[in-house]
Amino acid sequence: IPNLMKAGRFHKIDLHYLSTGLKPL
């Protein structure tokens, strides 16, 4: 990220939610 940002190539990272496919679990 630091190198990418210095080069103007980083703006945002999405830390997405993982799922088992079973909401109760």
PDB file of all heavy atoms in Angstrom:
ATOM      1  N   ILE A   1       0.813  -1.219   0.000  1.00  0.00           N
ATOM      2  CA  ILE A   1       0.000   0.000   0.000  1.00  0.00           C
ATOM      3  C   ILE A   1       0.849   1.274   0.000  1.00  0.00           C
ATOM      4  O   ILE A   1       0.578   2.194  -0.783  1.00  0.00           O
ATOM      5  CB  ILE A   1      -0.994   0.000   1.174  1.00  0.00           C
ATOM      6  CG1 ILE A   1      -2.173  -0.936   0.867  1.00  0.00           C
ATOM      7  CG2 ILE A   1      -1.529   1.415   1.451  1.00  0.00           C
ATOM      8  CD1 ILE A   1      -3.163  -1.075   2.004  1.00  0.00           C
ATOM      9  N   PRO A   2       1.888   1.389   0.845  1.00  0.00           N
ATOM     10  CA  PRO A   2       2.677   2.639   0.825  1.00  0.00           C
ATOM     11  C   PRO A   2       3.287   2.925  -0.545  1.00  0.00           C
ATOM     12  O   PRO A   2       3.225   4.065  -1.027  1.00  0.00           O
ATOM     13  CB  PRO A   2       3.755   2.401   1.881  1.00  0.00           C
ATOM     14  CG  PRO A   2       3.118   1.429   2.833  1.00  0.00           C
ATOM     15  CD  PRO A   2       2.318   0.511   1.957  1.00  0.00           C
ATOM     16  N   ASN A   3       3.873   1.909  -1.178  1.00  0.00           N
ATOM     17  CA  ASN A   3       4.469   2.121  -2.500  1.00  0.00           C
ATOM     18  C   ASN A   3       3.411   2.485  -3.539  1.00  0.00           C
ATOM     19  O   ASN A   3       3.622   3.372  -4.376  1.00  0.00           O
ATOM     20  CB  ASN A   3       5.222   0.872  -2.955  1.00  0.00           C
ATOM     21  CG  ASN A   3       6.542   0.694  -2.228  1.00  0.00           C
ATOM     22  OD1 ASN A   3       7.000   1.600  -1.525  1.00  0.00           O
ATOM     23  ND2 ASN A   3       7.141  -0.474  -2.379  1.00  0.00           N
ATOM     24  N   LEU A   4       2.277   1.802  -3.492  1.00  0.00           N
ATOM     25  CA  LEU A   4       1.194   2.105  -4.429  1.00  0.00           C
ATOM     26  C   LEU A   4       0.678   3.523  -4.224  1.00  0.00           C
ATOM     27  O   LEU A   4       0.412   4.248  -5.195  1.00  0.00           O
ATOM     28  CB  LEU A   4       0.044   1.102  -4.241  1.00  0.00           C
ATOM     29  CG  LEU A   4       0.303  -0.332  -4.689  1.00  0.00           C
ATOM     30  CD1 LEU A   4      -0.857  -1.230  -4.285  1.00  0.00           C
ATOM     31  CD2 LEU A   4       0.522  -0.405  -6.202  1.00  0.00           C
ATOM     32  N   MET A   5       0.559   3.914  -2.962  1.00  0.00           N
ATOM     33  CA  MET A   5       0.037   5.244  -2.662  1.00  0.00           C
ATOM     34  C   MET A   5       1.025   6.326  -3.112  1.00  0.00           C
ATOM     35  O   MET A   5       0.622   7.368  -3.651  1.00  0.00           O
ATOM     36  CB  MET A   5      -0.240   5.362  -1.163  1.00  0.00           C
ATOM     37  CG  MET A   5      -1.097   6.547  -0.780  1.00  0.00           C
ATOM     38  SD  MET A   5      -1.677   6.341   0.913  1.00  0.00           S
ATOM     39  CE  MET A   5      -2.338   7.986   1.190  1.00  0.00           C
ATOM     40  N   LYS A   6       2.295   6.056  -2.932  1.00  0.00           N
ATOM     41  CA  LYS A   6       3.309   7.018  -3.348  1.00  0.00           C
ATOM     42  C   LYS A   6       3.283   7.220  -4.857  1.00  0.00           C
ATOM     43  O   LYS A   6       3.541   8.325  -5.363  1.00  0.00           O
ATOM     44  CB  LYS A   6       4.695   6.542  -2.910  1.00  0.00           C
ATOM     45  CG  LYS A   6       5.768   7.612  -2.982  1.00  0.00           C
ATOM     46  CD  LYS A   6       7.038   7.142  -2.297  1.00  0.00           C
ATOM     47  CE  LYS A   6       8.054   8.270  -2.179  1.00  0.00           C
ATOM     48  NZ  LYS A   6       9.274   7.835  -1.463  1.00  0.00           N
ATOM     49  N   ALA A   7       2.924   6.144  -5.563  1.00  0.00           N
ATOM     50  CA  ALA A   7       2.847   6.223  -7.029  1.00  0.00           C
ATOM     51  C   ALA A   7       1.486   6.704  -7.513  1.00  0.00           C
ATOM     52  O   ALA A   7       1.243   6.773  -8.717  1.00  0.00           O
ATOM     53  CB  ALA A   7       3.144   4.846  -7.622  1.00  0.00           C
ATOM     54  N   GLY A   8       0.589   7.046  -6.560  1.00  0.00           N
ATOM     55  CA  GLY A   8      -0.738   7.514  -6.932  1.00  0.00           C
ATOM     56  C   GLY A   8      -1.658   6.418  -7.410  1.00  0.00           C
ATOM     57  O   GLY A   8      -2.656   6.686  -8.087  1.00  0.00           O
ATOM     58  N   ARG A   9      -1.366   5.155  -7.027  1.00  0.00           N
ATOM     59  CA  ARG A   9      -2.150   4.027  -7.532  1.00  0.00           C
ATOM     60  C   ARG A   9      -2.951   3.321  -6.432  1.00  0.00           C
ATOM     61  O   ARG A   9      -3.456   2.230  -6.644  1.00  0.00           O
ATOM     62  CB  ARG A   9      -1.231   3.028  -8.242  1.00  0.00           C
ATOM     63  CG  ARG A   9      -0.635   3.605  -9.517  1.00  0.00           C
ATOM     64  CD  ARG A   9       0.048   2.556 -10.384  1.00  0.00           C
ATOM     65  NE  ARG A   9       1.290   2.079  -9.794  1.00  0.00           N
ATOM     66  CZ  ARG A   9       1.523   0.818  -9.466  1.00  0.00           C
ATOM     67  NH1 ARG A   9       0.589  -0.095  -9.630  1.00  0.00           N
ATOM     68  NH2 ARG A   9       2.684   0.461  -8.968  1.00  0.00           N
ATOM     69  N   PHE A  10      -3.057   3.939  -5.262  1.00  0.00           N
ATOM     70  CA  PHE A  10      -3.914   3.392  -4.212  1.00  0.00           C
ATOM     71  C   PHE A  10      -4.889   4.474  -3.753  1.00  0.00           C
ATOM     72  O   PHE A  10      -4.470   5.590  -3.426  1.00  0.00           O
ATOM     73  CB  PHE A  10      -3.113   2.910  -3.000  1.00  0.00           C
ATOM     74  CG  PHE A  10      -3.990   2.510  -1.845  1.00  0.00           C
ATOM     75  CD1 PHE A  10      -4.581   1.262  -1.803  1.00  0.00           C
ATOM     76  CD2 PHE A  10      -4.253   3.408  -0.808  1.00  0.00           C
ATOM     77  CE1 PHE A  10      -5.417   0.900  -0.749  1.00  0.00           C
ATOM     78  CE2 PHE A  10      -5.082   3.054   0.242  1.00  0.00           C
ATOM     79  CZ  PHE A  10      -5.671   1.793   0.271  1.00  0.00           C
ATOM     80  N   HIS A  11      -6.147   4.133  -3.715  1.00  0.00           N
ATOM     81  CA  HIS A  11      -7.158   5.062  -3.234  1.00  0.00           C
ATOM     82  C   HIS A  11      -8.019   4.460  -2.125  1.00  0.00           C
ATOM     83  O   HIS A  11      -8.379   5.150  -1.178  1.00  0.00           O
ATOM     84  CB  HIS A  11      -8.056   5.517  -4.397  1.00  0.00           C
ATOM     85  CG  HIS A  11      -7.291   6.169  -5.506  1.00  0.00           C
ATOM     86  ND1 HIS A  11      -6.762   7.433  -5.393  1.00  0.00           N
ATOM     87  CD2 HIS A  11      -6.936   5.698  -6.727  1.00  0.00           C
ATOM     88  CE1 HIS A  11      -6.116   7.733  -6.520  1.00  0.00           C
ATOM     89  NE2 HIS A  11      -6.205   6.705  -7.330  1.00  0.00           N
ATOM     90  N   LYS A  12      -8.303   3.149  -2.231  1.00  0.00           N
ATOM     91  CA  LYS A  12      -9.197   2.532  -1.262  1.00  0.00           C
ATOM     92  C   LYS A  12      -9.040   1.017  -1.301  1.00  0.00           C
ATOM     93  O   LYS A  12      -8.755   0.445  -2.347  1.00  0.00           O
ATOM     94  CB  LYS A  12     -10.651   2.902  -1.592  1.00  0.00           C
ATOM     95  CG  LYS A  12     -11.688   2.339  -0.645  1.00  0.00           C
ATOM     96  CD  LYS A  12     -13.092   2.729  -1.083  1.00  0.00           C
ATOM     97  CE  LYS A  12     -14.136   2.155  -0.127  1.00  0.00           C
ATOM     98  NZ  LYS A  12     -15.521   2.500  -0.529  1.00  0.00           N
ATOM     99  N   ILE A  13      -9.218   0.402  -0.138  1.00  0.00           N
ATOM    100  CA  ILE A  13      -9.286  -1.056  -0.091  1.00  0.00           C
ATOM    101  C   ILE A  13     -10.590  -1.451   0.590  1.00  0.00           C
ATOM    102  O   ILE A  13     -10.962  -0.880   1.615  1.00  0.00           O
ATOM    103  CB  ILE A  13      -8.078  -1.676   0.655  1.00  0.00           C
ATOM    104  CG1 ILE A  13      -8.160  -3.211   0.617  1.00  0.00           C
ATOM    105  CG2 ILE A  13      -7.965  -1.177   2.083  1.00  0.00           C
ATOM    106  CD1 ILE A  13      -6.890  -3.903   1.065  1.00  0.00           C
ATOM    107  N   ASP A  14     -11.298  -2.380  -0.019  1.00  0.00           N
ATOM    108  CA  ASP A  14     -12.543  -2.897   0.555  1.00  0.00           C
ATOM    109  C   ASP A  14     -12.251  -4.211   1.256  1.00  0.00           C
ATOM    110  O   ASP A  14     -11.836  -5.192   0.617  1.00  0.00           O
ATOM    111  CB  ASP A  14     -13.594  -3.117  -0.538  1.00  0.00           C
ATOM    112  CG  ASP A  14     -14.070  -1.803  -1.148  1.00  0.00           C
ATOM    113  OD1 ASP A  14     -14.322  -0.860  -0.375  1.00  0.00           O
ATOM    114  OD2 ASP A  14     -14.164  -1.739  -2.395  1.00  0.00           O
ATOM    115  N   LEU A  15     -12.441  -4.222   2.583  1.00  0.00           N
ATOM    116  CA  LEU A  15     -12.257  -5.445   3.361  1.00  0.00           C
ATOM    117  C   LEU A  15     -13.622  -6.107   3.476  1.00  0.00           C
ATOM    118  O   LEU A  15     -14.411  -5.793   4.353  1.00  0.00           O
ATOM    119  CB  LEU A  15     -11.674  -5.108   4.734  1.00  0.00           C
ATOM    120  CG  LEU A  15     -10.316  -4.395   4.685  1.00  0.00           C
ATOM    121  CD1 LEU A  15      -9.861  -4.013   6.071  1.00  0.00           C
ATOM    122  CD2 LEU A  15      -9.280  -5.287   4.005  1.00  0.00           C
ATOM    123  N   HIS A  16     -13.896  -6.999   2.543  1.00  0.00           N
ATOM    124  CA  HIS A  16     -15.248  -7.513   2.387  1.00  0.00           C
ATOM    125  C   HIS A  16     -15.586  -8.578   3.432  1.00  0.00           C
ATOM    126  O   HIS A  16     -14.725  -9.131   4.100  1.00  0.00           O
ATOM    127  CB  HIS A  16     -15.429  -8.071   0.977  1.00  0.00           C
ATOM    128  CG  HIS A  16     -14.389  -9.073   0.582  1.00  0.00           C
ATOM    129  ND1 HIS A  16     -13.207  -8.718   0.006  1.00  0.00           N
ATOM    130  CD2 HIS A  16     -14.355 -10.414   0.707  1.00  0.00           C
ATOM    131  CE1 HIS A  16     -12.482  -9.795  -0.222  1.00  0.00           C
ATOM    132  NE2 HIS A  16     -13.149 -10.839   0.190  1.00  0.00           N
ATOM    133  N   TYR A  17     -16.861  -8.867   3.505  1.00  0.00           N
ATOM    134  CA  TYR A  17     -17.404  -9.827   4.454  1.00  0.00           C
ATOM    135  C   TYR A  17     -17.453 -11.207   3.814  1.00  0.00           C
ATOM    136  O   TYR A  17     -17.929 -11.361   2.686  1.00  0.00           O
ATOM    137  CB  TYR A  17     -18.811  -9.384   4.877  1.00  0.00           C
ATOM    138  CG  TYR A  17     -19.528 -10.344   5.793  1.00  0.00           C
ATOM    139  CD1 TYR A  17     -19.176 -10.440   7.134  1.00  0.00           C
ATOM    140  CD2 TYR A  17     -20.555 -11.152   5.317  1.00  0.00           C
ATOM    141  CE1 TYR A  17     -19.840 -11.315   7.975  1.00  0.00           C
ATOM    142  CE2 TYR A  17     -21.222 -12.032   6.152  1.00  0.00           C
ATOM    143  CZ  TYR A  17     -20.860 -12.113   7.482  1.00  0.00           C
ATOM    144  OH  TYR A  17     -21.508 -12.980   8.320  1.00  0.00           O
ATOM    145  N   LEU A  18     -16.968 -12.227   4.527  1.00  0.00           N
ATOM    146  CA  LEU A  18     -17.013 -13.590   4.038  1.00  0.00           C
ATOM    147  C   LEU A  18     -18.204 -14.324   4.648  1.00  0.00           C
ATOM    148  O   LEU A  18     -18.601 -14.037   5.782  1.00  0.00           O
ATOM    149  CB  LEU A  18     -15.732 -14.351   4.383  1.00  0.00           C
ATOM    150  CG  LEU A  18     -14.544 -14.139   3.434  1.00  0.00           C
ATOM    151  CD1 LEU A  18     -13.935 -12.765   3.640  1.00  0.00           C
ATOM    152  CD2 LEU A  18     -13.490 -15.204   3.660  1.00  0.00           C
ATOM    153  N   SER A  19     -18.742 -15.273   3.919  1.00  0.00           N
ATOM    154  CA  SER A  19     -19.917 -15.992   4.397  1.00  0.00           C
ATOM    155  C   SER A  19     -19.797 -17.484   4.125  1.00  0.00           C
ATOM    156  O   SER A  19     -19.241 -17.908   3.101  1.00  0.00           O
ATOM    157  CB  SER A  19     -21.187 -15.449   3.725  1.00  0.00           C
ATOM    158  OG  SER A  19     -22.321 -16.232   4.075  1.00  0.00           O
ATOM    159  N   THR A  20     -20.343 -18.264   5.046  1.00  0.00           N
ATOM    160  CA  THR A  20     -20.448 -19.707   4.842  1.00  0.00           C
ATOM    161  C   THR A  20     -21.652 -20.051   3.972  1.00  0.00           C
ATOM    162  O   THR A  20     -21.821 -21.198   3.564  1.00  0.00           O
ATOM    163  CB  THR A  20     -20.604 -20.430   6.188  1.00  0.00           C
ATOM    164  OG1 THR A  20     -21.825 -20.005   6.809  1.00  0.00           O
ATOM    165  CG2 THR A  20     -19.432 -20.134   7.106  1.00  0.00           C
ATOM    166  N   GLY A  21     -22.506 -19.071   3.740  1.00  0.00           N
ATOM    167  CA  GLY A  21     -23.746 -19.311   3.030  1.00  0.00           C
ATOM    168  C   GLY A  21     -24.896 -19.660   3.945  1.00  0.00           C
ATOM    169  O   GLY A  21     -26.037 -19.832   3.502  1.00  0.00           O
ATOM    170  N   LEU A  22     -24.587 -19.753   5.254  1.00  0.00           N
ATOM    171  CA  LEU A  22     -25.598 -20.090   6.259  1.00  0.00           C
ATOM    172  C   LEU A  22     -25.603 -18.984   7.309  1.00  0.00           C
ATOM    173  O   LEU A  22     -24.664 -18.886   8.114  1.00  0.00           O
ATOM    174  CB  LEU A  22     -25.287 -21.439   6.900  1.00  0.00           C
ATOM    175  CG  LEU A  22     -25.177 -22.631   5.934  1.00  0.00           C
ATOM    176  CD1 LEU A  22     -24.570 -23.842   6.650  1.00  0.00           C
ATOM    177  CD2 LEU A  22     -26.542 -22.974   5.353  1.00  0.00           C
ATOM    178  N   LYS A  23     -26.617 -18.135   7.311  1.00  0.00           N
ATOM    179  CA  LYS A  23     -26.640 -16.971   8.192  1.00  0.00           C
ATOM    180  C   LYS A  23     -26.502 -17.320   9.670  1.00  0.00           C
ATOM    181  O   LYS A  23     -25.754 -16.656  10.395  1.00  0.00           O
ATOM    182  CB  LYS A  23     -27.907 -16.141   7.949  1.00  0.00           C
ATOM    183  CG  LYS A  23     -27.866 -15.353   6.645  1.00  0.00           C
ATOM    184  CD  LYS A  23     -29.056 -14.422   6.523  1.00  0.00           C
ATOM    185  CE  LYS A  23     -28.960 -13.600   5.236  1.00  0.00           C
ATOM    186  NZ  LYS A  23     -30.121 -12.678   5.099  1.00  0.00           N
ATOM    187  N   PRO A  24     -27.201 -18.333  10.188  1.00  0.00           N
ATOM    188  CA  PRO A  24     -27.031 -18.680  11.613  1.00  0.00           C
ATOM    189  C   PRO A  24     -25.589 -19.078  11.941  1.00  0.00           C
ATOM    190  O   PRO A  24     -25.062 -18.717  12.988  1.00  0.00           O
ATOM    191  CB  PRO A  24     -28.003 -19.850  11.817  1.00  0.00           C
ATOM    192  CG  PRO A  24     -29.020 -19.688  10.735  1.00  0.00           C
ATOM    193  CD  PRO A  24     -28.270 -19.154   9.564  1.00  0.00           C
ATOM    194  N   LEU A  25     -24.934 -19.797  11.011  1.00  0.00           N
ATOM    195  CA  LEU A  25     -23.545 -20.199  11.231  1.00  0.00           C
ATOM    196  C   LEU A  25     -22.619 -18.990  11.137  1.00  0.00           C
ATOM    197  O   LEU A  25     -21.666 -18.863  11.932  1.00  0.00           O
ATOM    198  CB  LEU A  25     -23.138 -21.259  10.214  1.00  0.00           C
ATOM    199  CG  LEU A  25     -21.731 -21.859  10.382  1.00  0.00           C
ATOM    200  CD1 LEU A  25     -21.581 -22.499  11.753  1.00  0.00           C
ATOM    201  CD2 LEU A  25     -21.455 -22.870   9.274  1.00  0.00           C
TER     202      LEU A  25
END
